[in-house]
PDB file of N, CA and C in Angstrom:
ATOM      1  N   MET A   1      17.567  31.966  15.629  1.00  0.00           N
ATOM      2  CA  MET A   1      16.907  32.235  16.714  1.00  0.00           C
ATOM      3  C   MET A   1      15.059  31.800  16.020  1.00  0.00           C
ATOM      4  N   SER A   2      14.372  31.152  16.341  1.00  0.00           N
ATOM      5  CA  SER A   2      12.878  30.820  15.909  1.00  0.00           C
ATOM      6  C   SER A   2      12.011  31.173  16.986  1.00  0.00           C
ATOM      7  N   ILE A   3      10.457  31.396  17.106  1.00  0.00           N
ATOM      8  CA  ILE A   3       9.597  31.379  17.757  1.00  0.00           C
ATOM      9  C   ILE A   3       8.550  30.601  17.489  1.00  0.00           C
ATOM     10  N   ARG A   4       8.064  29.472  18.155  1.00  0.00           N
ATOM     11  CA  ARG A   4       6.539  28.949  17.820  1.00  0.00           C
ATOM     12  C   ARG A   4       5.423  30.093  17.853  1.00  0.00           C
ATOM     13  N   LEU A   5       4.260  30.328  17.135  1.00  0.00           N
ATOM     14  CA  LEU A   5       3.241  31.548  17.098  1.00  0.00           C
ATOM     15  C   LEU A   5       2.009  30.460  16.843  1.00  0.00           C
ATOM     16  N   PRO A   6       1.119  30.749  17.313  1.00  0.00           N
ATOM     17  CA  PRO A   6      -0.197  30.022  16.888  1.00  0.00           C
ATOM     18  C   PRO A   6      -0.795  30.447  15.878  1.00  0.00           C
ATOM     19  N   ALA A   7      -0.888  29.293  14.998  1.00  0.00           N
ATOM     20  CA  ALA A   7      -1.505  29.652  13.644  1.00  0.00           C
ATOM     21  C   ALA A   7      -3.075  28.960  13.387  1.00  0.00           C
ATOM     22  N   ALA A   8      -3.728  29.574  12.802  1.00  0.00           N
ATOM     23  CA  ALA A   8      -5.782  29.690  12.653  1.00  0.00           C
ATOM     24  C   ALA A   8      -5.879  28.830  12.690  1.00  0.00           C
ATOM     25  N   ASP A   9      -5.090  27.546  12.498  1.00  0.00           N
ATOM     26  CA  ASP A   9      -6.045  26.428  11.788  1.00  0.00           C
ATOM     27  C   ASP A   9      -5.377  25.401  13.176  1.00  0.00           C
ATOM     28  N   GLY A  10      -4.938  26.623  14.553  1.00  0.00           N
ATOM     29  CA  GLY A  10      -4.970  25.507  15.338  1.00  0.00           C
ATOM     30  C   GLY A  10      -3.681  24.723  15.775  1.00  0.00           C
ATOM     31  N   GLY A  11      -2.932  24.998  14.843  1.00  0.00           N
ATOM     32  CA  GLY A  11      -1.428  24.687  15.234  1.00  0.00           C
ATOM     33  C   GLY A  11      -0.645  25.244  15.440  1.00  0.00           C
ATOM     34  N   TYR A  12       0.718  25.409  14.939  1.00  0.00           N
ATOM     35  CA  TYR A  12       1.917  26.488  15.149  1.00  0.00           C
ATOM     36  C   TYR A  12       2.542  26.847  14.093  1.00  0.00           C
ATOM     37  N   ARG A  13       3.518  27.876  13.729  1.00  0.00           N
ATOM     38  CA  ARG A  13       4.016  27.983  12.809  1.00  0.00           C
ATOM     39  C   ARG A  13       5.347  29.016  13.217  1.00  0.00           C
ATOM     40  N   LEU A  14       6.579  28.315  13.124  1.00  0.00           N
ATOM     41  CA  LEU A  14       7.654  29.324  13.387  1.00  0.00           C
ATOM     42  C   LEU A  14       7.943  30.502  12.572  1.00  0.00           C
ATOM     43  N   HIS A  15       8.341  31.519  13.533  1.00  0.00           N
ATOM     44  CA  HIS A  15       8.520  32.919  13.027  1.00  0.00           C
ATOM     45  C   HIS A  15      10.171  33.551  13.395  1.00  0.00           C
ATOM     46  N   ARG A  16      11.081  33.818  12.207  1.00  0.00           N
ATOM     47  CA  ARG A  16      12.282  33.723  12.895  1.00  0.00           C
ATOM     48  C   ARG A  16      12.505  35.884  13.006  1.00  0.00           C
ATOM     49  N   PRO A  17      12.550  36.142  13.986  1.00  0.00           N
ATOM     50  CA  PRO A  17      12.515  37.817  14.277  1.00  0.00           C
ATOM     51  C   PRO A  17      13.551  38.480  13.317  1.00  0.00           C
ATOM     52  N   CYS A  18      13.175  39.866  12.820  1.00  0.00           N
ATOM     53  CA  CYS A  18      14.842  40.233  11.997  1.00  0.00           C
ATOM     54  C   CYS A  18      15.871  40.478  13.102  1.00  0.00           C
ATOM     55  N   THR A  19      16.870  40.616  12.393  1.00  0.00           N
ATOM     56  CA  THR A  19      17.764  41.063  13.395  1.00  0.00           C
ATOM     57  C   THR A  19      18.169  42.504  13.793  1.00  0.00           C
ATOM     58  N   ALA A  20      17.263  43.507  12.807  1.00  0.00           N
ATOM     59  CA  ALA A  20      17.877  44.915  13.146  1.00  0.00           C
ATOM     60  C   ALA A  20      16.360  45.176  13.762  1.00  0.00           C
ATOM     61  N   PRO A  21      16.249  45.994  15.144  1.00  0.00           N
ATOM     62  CA  PRO A  21      15.538  46.600  15.488  1.00  0.00           C
ATOM     63  C   PRO A  21      14.627  47.522  14.793  1.00  0.00           C
ATOM     64  N   LEU A  22      13.369  47.799  14.674  1.00  0.00           N
ATOM     65  CA  LEU A  22      12.831  48.386  13.946  1.00  0.00           C
ATOM     66  C   LEU A  22      12.660  49.874  14.440  1.00  0.00           C
ATOM     67  N   ALA A  23      12.591  50.171  15.961  1.00  0.00           N
ATOM     68  CA  ALA A  23      13.404  51.773  16.318  1.00  0.00           C
ATOM     69  C   ALA A  23      14.479  51.532  16.722  1.00  0.00           C
ATOM     70  N   PRO A  24      15.417  53.209  16.541  1.00  0.00           N
ATOM     71  CA  PRO A  24      16.101  53.610  17.205  1.00  0.00           C
ATOM     72  C   PRO A  24      15.874  53.111  18.470  1.00  0.00           C
ATOM     73  N   LEU A  25      17.024  52.612  19.251  1.00  0.00           N
ATOM     74  CA  LEU A  25      17.541  52.390  20.686  1.00  0.00           C
ATOM     75  C   LEU A  25      17.926  54.149  21.424  1.00  0.00           C
ATOM     76  N   VAL A  26      16.797  53.965  22.179  1.00  0.00           N
ATOM     77  CA  VAL A  26      17.196  54.858  22.842  1.00  0.00           C
ATOM     78  C   VAL A  26      17.984  54.790  24.365  1.00  0.00           C
ATOM     79  N   CYS A  27      18.776  56.056  25.363  1.00  0.00           N
ATOM     80  CA  CYS A  27      19.625  55.183  26.296  1.00  0.00           C
ATOM     81  C   CYS A  27      18.870  56.338  27.075  1.00  0.00           C
ATOM     82  N   GLY A  28      19.252  55.838  28.637  1.00  0.00           N
ATOM     83  CA  GLY A  28      18.085  56.541  29.924  1.00  0.00           C
ATOM     84  C   GLY A  28      17.317  55.411  30.238  1.00  0.00           C
ATOM     85  N   PRO A  29      16.790  56.442  31.537  1.00  0.00           N
ATOM     86  CA  PRO A  29      15.404  55.941  32.028  1.00  0.00           C
ATOM     87  C   PRO A  29      14.162  55.990  31.035  1.00  0.00           C
ATOM     88  N   ALA A  30      13.372  54.808  31.161  1.00  0.00           N
ATOM     89  CA  ALA A  30      11.787  55.286  30.442  1.00  0.00           C
ATOM     90  C   ALA A  30      11.811  56.157  31.102  1.00  0.00           C
ATOM     91  N   ARG A  31      10.558  56.521  29.874  1.00  0.00           N
ATOM     92  CA  ARG A  31      10.042  57.810  30.309  1.00  0.00           C
ATOM     93  C   ARG A  31       8.647  57.599  30.571  1.00  0.00           C
ATOM     94  N   SER A  32       8.183  56.341  29.827  1.00  0.00           N
ATOM     95  CA  SER A  32       6.583  56.007  30.213  1.00  0.00           C
ATOM     96  C   SER A  32       6.736  54.415  30.460  1.00  0.00           C
ATOM     97  N   ARG A  33       5.685  54.028  31.215  1.00  0.00           N
ATOM     98  CA  ARG A  33       4.686  52.972  31.484  1.00  0.00           C
ATOM     99  C   ARG A  33       4.153  52.112  30.489  1.00  0.00           C
ATOM    100  N   ARG A  34       3.795  52.938  29.179  1.00  0.00           N
ATOM    101  CA  ARG A  34       2.903  52.479  28.414  1.00  0.00           C
ATOM    102  C   ARG A  34       3.072  50.691  28.040  1.00  0.00           C
ATOM    103  N   PHE A  35       4.589  50.700  27.434  1.00  0.00           N
ATOM    104  CA  PHE A  35       4.892  49.330  27.180  1.00  0.00           C
ATOM    105  C   PHE A  35       4.967  48.460  28.386  1.00  0.00           C
ATOM    106  N   TYR A  36       4.949  48.615  29.392  1.00  0.00           N
ATOM    107  CA  TYR A  36       4.541  47.781  30.660  1.00  0.00           C
ATOM    108  C   TYR A  36       3.684  46.582  30.984  1.00  0.00           C
ATOM    109  N   ALA A  37       2.312  47.848  30.179  1.00  0.00           N
ATOM    110  CA  ALA A  37       0.860  47.647  30.795  1.00  0.00           C
ATOM    111  C   ALA A  37       0.744  46.206  30.543  1.00  0.00           C
ATOM    112  N   ALA A  38       0.873  45.326  29.381  1.00  0.00           N
ATOM    113  CA  ALA A  38       0.055  43.992  29.244  1.00  0.00           C
ATOM    114  C   ALA A  38       1.012  43.008  28.986  1.00  0.00           C
ATOM    115  N   ALA A  39       2.362  43.586  29.345  1.00  0.00           N
ATOM    116  CA  ALA A  39       3.712  42.604  29.544  1.00  0.00           C
ATOM    117  C   ALA A  39       3.643  41.003  30.208  1.00  0.00           C
ATOM    118  N   HIS A  40       2.606  41.506  30.890  1.00  0.00           N
ATOM    119  CA  HIS A  40       2.659  40.314  32.034  1.00  0.00           C
ATOM    120  C   HIS A  40       1.436  38.927  31.811  1.00  0.00           C
ATOM    121  N   VAL A  41       0.570  39.648  30.941  1.00  0.00           N
ATOM    122  CA  VAL A  41      -1.025  39.337  30.593  1.00  0.00           C
ATOM    123  C   VAL A  41      -0.605  37.953  29.292  1.00  0.00           C
ATOM    124  N   VAL A  42      -0.912  37.124  29.623  1.00  0.00           N
ATOM    125  CA  VAL A  42      -0.642  35.972  28.122  1.00  0.00           C
ATOM    126  C   VAL A  42      -1.889  34.955  28.199  1.00  0.00           C
ATOM    127  N   ALA A  43      -2.318  34.674  27.580  1.00  0.00           N
ATOM    128  CA  ALA A  43      -3.281  33.652  27.285  1.00  0.00           C
ATOM    129  C   ALA A  43      -2.960  33.073  26.295  1.00  0.00           C
ATOM    130  N   ASP A  44      -3.754  31.877  26.867  1.00  0.00           N
ATOM    131  CA  ASP A  44      -3.380  30.775  25.664  1.00  0.00           C
ATOM    132  C   ASP A  44      -4.491  30.363  24.576  1.00  0.00           C
ATOM    133  N   PRO A  45      -4.440  31.222  23.665  1.00  0.00           N
ATOM    134  CA  PRO A  45      -5.227  30.852  22.276  1.00  0.00           C
ATOM    135  C   PRO A  45      -5.851  29.825  21.979  1.00  0.00           C
ATOM    136  N   LEU A  46      -5.006  28.462  22.371  1.00  0.00           N
ATOM    137  CA  LEU A  46      -5.668  27.356  21.859  1.00  0.00           C
ATOM    138  C   LEU A  46      -6.455  26.481  22.608  1.00  0.00           C
ATOM    139  N   ALA A  47      -6.150  27.067  24.095  1.00  0.00           N
ATOM    140  CA  ALA A  47      -7.037  26.738  25.263  1.00  0.00           C
ATOM    141  C   ALA A  47      -8.408  26.120  25.276  1.00  0.00           C
ATOM    142  N   ALA A  48      -9.142  25.641  25.498  1.00  0.00           N
ATOM    143  CA  ALA A  48     -10.850  25.564  25.864  1.00  0.00           C
ATOM    144  C   ALA A  48     -11.340  26.879  26.283  1.00  0.00           C
ATOM    145  N   CYS A  49     -12.024  26.690  26.268  1.00  0.00           N
ATOM    146  CA  CYS A  49     -12.528  28.151  27.301  1.00  0.00           C
ATOM    147  C   CYS A  49     -12.907  27.806  28.566  1.00  0.00           C
ATOM    148  N   ALA A  50     -12.226  28.353  29.265  1.00  0.00           N
ATOM    149  CA  ALA A  50     -12.829  27.575  30.838  1.00  0.00           C
ATOM    150  C   ALA A  50     -14.076  27.577  31.512  1.00  0.00           C
ATOM    151  N   GLY A  51     -15.484  29.005  31.180  1.00  0.00           N
ATOM    152  CA  GLY A  51     -16.368  29.233  31.279  1.00  0.00           C
ATOM    153  C   GLY A  51     -16.111  30.472  32.630  1.00  0.00           C
ATOM    154  N   GLY A  52     -15.032  31.076  32.916  1.00  0.00           N
ATOM    155  CA  GLY A  52     -14.561  31.910  34.164  1.00  0.00           C
ATOM    156  C   GLY A  52     -15.544  33.083  33.449  1.00  0.00           C
ATOM    157  N   PRO A  53     -15.872  34.102  34.077  1.00  0.00           N
ATOM    158  CA  PRO A  53     -16.517  35.516  34.371  1.00  0.00           C
ATOM    159  C   PRO A  53     -15.918  36.368  32.877  1.00  0.00           C
ATOM    160  N   ALA A  54     -14.932  36.228  32.726  1.00  0.00           N
ATOM    161  CA  ALA A  54     -14.683  36.992  31.446  1.00  0.00           C
ATOM    162  C   ALA A  54     -15.107  36.465  30.210  1.00  0.00           C
ATOM    163  N   ALA A  55     -15.838  34.964  30.417  1.00  0.00           N
ATOM    164  CA  ALA A  55     -16.040  33.974  29.125  1.00  0.00           C
ATOM    165  C   ALA A  55     -17.262  34.337  29.009  1.00  0.00           C
ATOM    166  N   GLN A  56     -17.973  34.797  29.712  1.00  0.00           N
ATOM    167  CA  GLN A  56     -19.743  34.735  29.854  1.00  0.00           C
ATOM    168  C   GLN A  56     -19.996  36.025  29.140  1.00  0.00           C
ATOM    169  N   ALA A  57     -21.012  36.557  28.023  1.00  0.00           N
ATOM    170  CA  ALA A  57     -21.704  37.310  27.731  1.00  0.00           C
ATOM    171  C   ALA A  57     -22.329  37.641  28.372  1.00  0.00           C
ATOM    172  N   GLY A  58     -23.467  39.544  28.002  1.00  0.00           N
ATOM    173  CA  GLY A  58     -24.503  39.293  28.416  1.00  0.00           C
ATOM    174  C   GLY A  58     -24.176  40.408  29.661  1.00  0.00           C
ATOM    175  N   PRO A  59     -24.927  40.822  30.401  1.00  0.00           N
ATOM    176  CA  PRO A  59     -25.597  41.941  31.318  1.00  0.00           C
ATOM    177  C   PRO A  59     -25.077  40.808  32.462  1.00  0.00           C
TER     178      PRO A  59
END
């Protein structure tokens, strides 16, 4: 399996995740919501600036 990640030159590069987990697997219910915090927020790093409030600088 491979995924396409944005590259600094505006294109994409392929990344193949390793098959071994980086952390030990823990069984049981989650005790923290920290890892859920921004999972649904995904920006397009290659999109043109829309000029919305988040893109405006200054007070």
